[in-house]
Amino acid sequence: MNNFKAINLFTGFSSMKSLLTLINVSVFFFLLSGCDINDEKSRVPVPIPLVPTSINVIPAIDDVTVSWAAVNYVDEYAVYRCPINVTNRQCETTAVADCGSAIARTGSLSYIDTALSNSEVFCYGVQACSEGGCSEISAQQLGYKLPENSLT
């Protein structure tokens, strides 16, 4: 709630000049006291985005395409290529720290990974990031390149 009071500005002033001086000083003080849109106090906090969903990994001979559904309040998406569980060859819920650095950061809803050899298998996850922070990594999906002779 604002703490503004209604006052009679004309009471107690000996001249119009002193009234105008008061008004100019008051307006100047008002502008300096937190009404600037660039002031940290007046900024609305940016929420941390939700975790991306509908992760889809499409293998091809030369690459792997990873796509996902849009999330609100996102500046960019971070794409991770995470290690696969070698025991059961399944993707498991993995913390971002276990996946290393993001292989890509993009503003679009897909990423094409061309840096795989034919024998490599990975789990791909996506993280949504904004000025407020980043979501957890998404559920991961298995991804690999198709063998050269798979289309013949």
C-alpha atoms as a PDB file:
ATOM      1  CA  MET A   1       0.000   0.000   0.000  1.00  0.00           C
ATOM      2  CA  ASN A   2       1.281   3.481  -0.830  1.00  0.00           C
ATOM      3  CA  ASN A   3       2.039   5.962   1.957  1.00  0.00           C
ATOM      4  CA  PHE A   4       0.973   9.064   0.058  1.00  0.00           C
ATOM      5  CA  LYS A   5      -0.835  11.819   1.944  1.00  0.00           C
ATOM      6  CA  ALA A   6      -3.064  14.499   0.511  1.00  0.00           C
ATOM      7  CA  ILE A   7      -1.725  17.918   1.564  1.00  0.00           C
ATOM      8  CA  ASN A   8      -2.679  21.469   0.810  1.00  0.00           C
ATOM      9  CA  LEU A   9       0.308  22.671  -1.188  1.00  0.00           C
ATOM     10  CA  PHE A  10      -0.597  26.332  -0.963  1.00  0.00           C
ATOM     11  CA  THR A  11      -0.582  26.612   2.848  1.00  0.00           C
ATOM     12  CA  GLY A  12       2.537  28.184   4.311  1.00  0.00           C
ATOM     13  CA  PHE A  13       4.226  29.302   1.084  1.00  0.00           C
ATOM     14  CA  SER A  14       5.187  32.941   0.802  1.00  0.00           C
ATOM     15  CA  SER A  15       5.481  32.876  -2.961  1.00  0.00           C
ATOM     16  CA  MET A  16       4.659  30.812  -6.029  1.00  0.00           C
ATOM     17  CA  LYS A  17       8.432  30.378  -6.593  1.00  0.00           C
ATOM     18  CA  SER A  18       8.906  28.437  -3.345  1.00  0.00           C
ATOM     19  CA  LEU A  19       5.866  26.268  -4.223  1.00  0.00           C
ATOM     20  CA  LEU A  20       7.350  25.411  -7.643  1.00  0.00           C
ATOM     21  CA  THR A  21      10.729  24.652  -6.037  1.00  0.00           C
ATOM     22  CA  LEU A  22       9.027  22.198  -3.669  1.00  0.00           C
ATOM     23  CA  ILE A  23       7.174  20.536  -6.557  1.00  0.00           C
ATOM     24  CA  ASN A  24      10.373  20.204  -8.641  1.00  0.00           C
ATOM     25  CA  VAL A  25      12.329  18.747  -5.707  1.00  0.00           C
ATOM     26  CA  SER A  26       9.466  16.344  -4.892  1.00  0.00           C
ATOM     27  CA  VAL A  27       9.241  15.099  -8.480  1.00  0.00           C
ATOM     28  CA  PHE A  28      13.017  14.665  -8.610  1.00  0.00           C
ATOM     29  CA  PHE A  29      13.021  12.716  -5.329  1.00  0.00           C
ATOM     30  CA  PHE A  30      10.091  10.565  -6.529  1.00  0.00           C
ATOM     31  CA  LEU A  31      11.989   9.595  -9.660  1.00  0.00           C
ATOM     32  CA  LEU A  32      15.063   8.636  -7.626  1.00  0.00           C
ATOM     33  CA  SER A  33      13.196   6.602  -5.004  1.00  0.00           C
ATOM     34  CA  GLY A  34      12.581   3.301  -6.790  1.00  0.00           C
ATOM     35  CA  CYS A  35      10.360   4.141  -9.714  1.00  0.00           C
ATOM     36  CA  ASP A  36      13.020   3.521 -12.342  1.00  0.00           C
ATOM     37  CA  ILE A  37      12.246   0.342 -14.324  1.00  0.00           C
ATOM     38  CA  ASN A  38      15.951  -0.576 -14.323  1.00  0.00           C
ATOM     39  CA  ASP A  39      16.152  -0.405 -10.529  1.00  0.00           C
ATOM     40  CA  GLU A  40      16.557  -3.864  -8.945  1.00  0.00           C
ATOM     41  CA  LYS A  41      13.877  -3.118  -6.313  1.00  0.00           C
ATOM     42  CA  SER A  42      11.222  -2.481  -8.929  1.00  0.00           C
ATOM     43  CA  ARG A  43      11.926  -5.571 -11.077  1.00  0.00           C
ATOM     44  CA  VAL A  44       9.549  -8.505 -11.025  1.00  0.00           C
ATOM     45  CA  PRO A  45      11.455 -11.749 -10.371  1.00  0.00           C
ATOM     46  CA  VAL A  46      11.717 -14.054 -13.383  1.00  0.00           C
ATOM     47  CA  PRO A  47      10.483 -17.564 -12.558  1.00  0.00           C
ATOM     48  CA  ILE A  48      12.594 -20.661 -13.077  1.00  0.00           C
ATOM     49  CA  PRO A  49      11.112 -22.522 -16.062  1.00  0.00           C
ATOM     50  CA  LEU A  50       9.440 -25.917 -15.762  1.00  0.00           C
ATOM     51  CA  VAL A  51      11.251 -29.056 -16.885  1.00  0.00           C
ATOM     52  CA  PRO A  52      10.905 -29.659 -20.654  1.00  0.00           C
ATOM     53  CA  THR A  53       8.663 -32.575 -21.642  1.00  0.00           C
ATOM     54  CA  SER A  54       7.959 -34.661 -24.736  1.00  0.00           C
ATOM     55  CA  ILE A  55      11.640 -35.280 -25.447  1.00  0.00           C
ATOM     56  CA  ASN A  56      11.923 -36.973 -28.826  1.00  0.00           C
ATOM     57  CA  VAL A  57      15.172 -38.423 -30.210  1.00  0.00           C
ATOM     58  CA  ILE A  58      15.253 -39.400 -33.883  1.00  0.00           C
ATOM     59  CA  PRO A  59      18.273 -41.375 -35.129  1.00  0.00           C
ATOM     60  CA  ALA A  60      19.592 -40.948 -38.673  1.00  0.00           C
ATOM     61  CA  ILE A  61      22.689 -42.106 -40.542  1.00  0.00           C
ATOM     62  CA  ASP A  62      24.600 -38.843 -40.127  1.00  0.00           C
ATOM     63  CA  ASP A  63      23.112 -37.370 -36.963  1.00  0.00           C
ATOM     64  CA  VAL A  64      20.609 -37.509 -34.113  1.00  0.00           C
ATOM     65  CA  THR A  65      17.795 -34.958 -33.830  1.00  0.00           C
ATOM     66  CA  VAL A  66      16.576 -34.089 -30.342  1.00  0.00           C
ATOM     67  CA  SER A  67      13.313 -32.132 -29.990  1.00  0.00           C
ATOM     68  CA  TRP A  68      11.029 -31.123 -27.111  1.00  0.00           C
ATOM     69  CA  ALA A  69       7.877 -29.217 -26.206  1.00  0.00           C
ATOM     70  CA  ALA A  70       8.028 -25.477 -25.494  1.00  0.00           C
ATOM     71  CA  VAL A  71       8.190 -24.195 -21.918  1.00  0.00           C
ATOM     72  CA  ASN A  72       7.119 -20.734 -20.692  1.00  0.00           C
ATOM     73  CA  TYR A  73       9.623 -18.111 -19.460  1.00  0.00           C
ATOM     74  CA  VAL A  74      12.573 -19.615 -21.368  1.00  0.00           C
ATOM     75  CA  ASP A  75      15.553 -17.696 -22.715  1.00  0.00           C
ATOM     76  CA  GLU A  76      17.342 -20.808 -23.961  1.00  0.00           C
ATOM     77  CA  TYR A  77      17.421 -24.582 -23.745  1.00  0.00           C
ATOM     78  CA  ALA A  78      20.523 -26.546 -22.763  1.00  0.00           C
ATOM     79  CA  VAL A  79      20.932 -29.949 -24.445  1.00  0.00           C
ATOM     80  CA  TYR A  80      22.876 -32.679 -22.636  1.00  0.00           C
ATOM     81  CA  ARG A  81      24.379 -35.900 -23.947  1.00  0.00           C
ATOM     82  CA  CYS A  82      24.501 -38.120 -20.880  1.00  0.00           C
ATOM     83  CA  PRO A  83      26.169 -41.498 -20.374  1.00  0.00           C
ATOM     84  CA  ILE A  84      24.035 -44.589 -20.692  1.00  0.00           C
ATOM     85  CA  ASN A  85      23.781 -47.203 -17.952  1.00  0.00           C
ATOM     86  CA  VAL A  86      26.076 -49.905 -19.380  1.00  0.00           C
ATOM     87  CA  THR A  87      24.497 -52.658 -17.267  1.00  0.00           C
ATOM     88  CA  ASN A  88      20.962 -52.412 -18.614  1.00  0.00           C
ATOM     89  CA  ARG A  89      21.537 -50.052 -21.575  1.00  0.00           C
ATOM     90  CA  GLN A  90      18.768 -47.750 -20.349  1.00  0.00           C
ATOM     91  CA  CYS A  91      18.546 -44.034 -19.710  1.00  0.00           C
ATOM     92  CA  GLU A  92      18.183 -43.232 -16.052  1.00  0.00           C
ATOM     93  CA  THR A  93      17.240 -40.085 -14.245  1.00  0.00           C
ATOM     94  CA  THR A  94      20.519 -38.222 -14.092  1.00  0.00           C
ATOM     95  CA  ALA A  95      21.482 -34.972 -12.469  1.00  0.00           C
ATOM     96  CA  VAL A  96      22.917 -32.321 -14.771  1.00  0.00           C
ATOM     97  CA  ALA A  97      26.226 -32.580 -12.927  1.00  0.00           C
ATOM     98  CA  ASP A  98      26.504 -36.237 -14.017  1.00  0.00           C
ATOM     99  CA  CYS A  99      26.135 -35.266 -17.688  1.00  0.00           C
ATOM    100  CA  GLY A 100      28.948 -32.728 -17.783  1.00  0.00           C
ATOM    101  CA  SER A 101      28.553 -29.521 -19.772  1.00  0.00           C
ATOM    102  CA  ALA A 102      25.729 -28.899 -22.182  1.00  0.00           C
ATOM    103  CA  ILE A 103      26.620 -29.873 -25.748  1.00  0.00           C
ATOM    104  CA  ALA A 104      24.457 -27.024 -27.048  1.00  0.00           C
ATOM    105  CA  ARG A 105      22.414 -24.003 -25.986  1.00  0.00           C
ATOM    106  CA  THR A 106      19.626 -22.955 -28.298  1.00  0.00           C
ATOM    107  CA  GLY A 107      16.498 -20.834 -28.425  1.00  0.00           C
ATOM    108  CA  SER A 108      14.777 -23.301 -30.748  1.00  0.00           C
ATOM    109  CA  LEU A 109      12.842 -26.472 -29.906  1.00  0.00           C
ATOM    110  CA  SER A 110      15.312 -28.909 -31.460  1.00  0.00           C
ATOM    111  CA  TYR A 111      18.991 -29.667 -31.817  1.00  0.00           C
ATOM    112  CA  ILE A 112      20.853 -31.830 -34.349  1.00  0.00           C
ATOM    113  CA  ASP A 113      23.843 -33.677 -32.888  1.00  0.00           C
ATOM    114  CA  THR A 114      26.361 -34.572 -35.575  1.00  0.00           C
ATOM    115  CA  ALA A 115      29.315 -35.395 -33.283  1.00  0.00           C
ATOM    116  CA  LEU A 116      28.679 -39.126 -32.823  1.00  0.00           C
ATOM    117  CA  SER A 117      30.445 -42.183 -34.120  1.00  0.00           C
ATOM    118  CA  ASN A 118      28.440 -45.228 -35.238  1.00  0.00           C
ATOM    119  CA  SER A 119      29.015 -47.260 -32.067  1.00  0.00           C
ATOM    120  CA  GLU A 120      28.147 -44.534 -29.552  1.00  0.00           C
ATOM    121  CA  VAL A 121      24.879 -44.608 -27.635  1.00  0.00           C
ATOM    122  CA  PHE A 122      23.841 -41.762 -25.338  1.00  0.00           C
ATOM    123  CA  CYS A 123      20.915 -40.494 -23.336  1.00  0.00           C
ATOM    124  CA  TYR A 124      19.759 -37.004 -24.293  1.00  0.00           C
ATOM    125  CA  GLY A 125      18.206 -34.596 -21.823  1.00  0.00           C
ATOM    126  CA  VAL A 126      17.074 -30.989 -22.056  1.00  0.00           C
ATOM    127  CA  GLN A 127      17.069 -28.218 -19.486  1.00  0.00           C
ATOM    128  CA  ALA A 128      15.071 -24.958 -19.745  1.00  0.00           C
ATOM    129  CA  CYS A 129      16.885 -21.794 -18.633  1.00  0.00           C
ATOM    130  CA  SER A 130      15.825 -18.209 -17.983  1.00  0.00           C
ATOM    131  CA  GLU A 131      17.221 -15.189 -16.202  1.00  0.00           C
ATOM    132  CA  GLY A 132      15.704 -16.683 -13.027  1.00  0.00           C
ATOM    133  CA  GLY A 133      17.660 -19.945 -13.287  1.00  0.00           C
ATOM    134  CA  CYS A 134      17.444 -23.354 -14.922  1.00  0.00           C
ATOM    135  CA  SER A 135      15.039 -26.239 -14.509  1.00  0.00           C
ATOM    136  CA  GLU A 136      16.103 -29.751 -13.649  1.00  0.00           C
ATOM    137  CA  ILE A 137      17.137 -31.910 -16.584  1.00  0.00           C
ATOM    138  CA  SER A 138      14.279 -33.604 -18.433  1.00  0.00           C
ATOM    139  CA  ALA A 139      13.544 -37.301 -18.573  1.00  0.00           C
ATOM    140  CA  GLN A 140      16.180 -38.679 -20.903  1.00  0.00           C
ATOM    141  CA  GLN A 141      15.765 -40.523 -24.157  1.00  0.00           C
ATOM    142  CA  LEU A 142      18.131 -42.969 -25.838  1.00  0.00           C
ATOM    143  CA  GLY A 143      19.918 -41.711 -28.959  1.00  0.00           C
ATOM    144  CA  TYR A 144      22.347 -43.184 -31.478  1.00  0.00           C
ATOM    145  CA  LYS A 145      23.334 -42.939 -35.137  1.00  0.00           C
ATOM    146  CA  LEU A 146      21.907 -45.498 -37.528  1.00  0.00           C
ATOM    147  CA  PRO A 147      24.424 -47.867 -39.124  1.00  0.00           C
ATOM    148  CA  GLU A 148      25.469 -46.926 -42.666  1.00  0.00           C
ATOM    149  CA  ASN A 149      23.773 -50.003 -44.181  1.00  0.00           C
ATOM    150  CA  SER A 150      20.462 -49.624 -42.292  1.00  0.00           C
ATOM    151  CA  LEU A 151      18.612 -48.100 -45.273  1.00  0.00           C
ATOM    152  CA  THR A 152      19.644 -50.668 -47.880  1.00  0.00           C
END
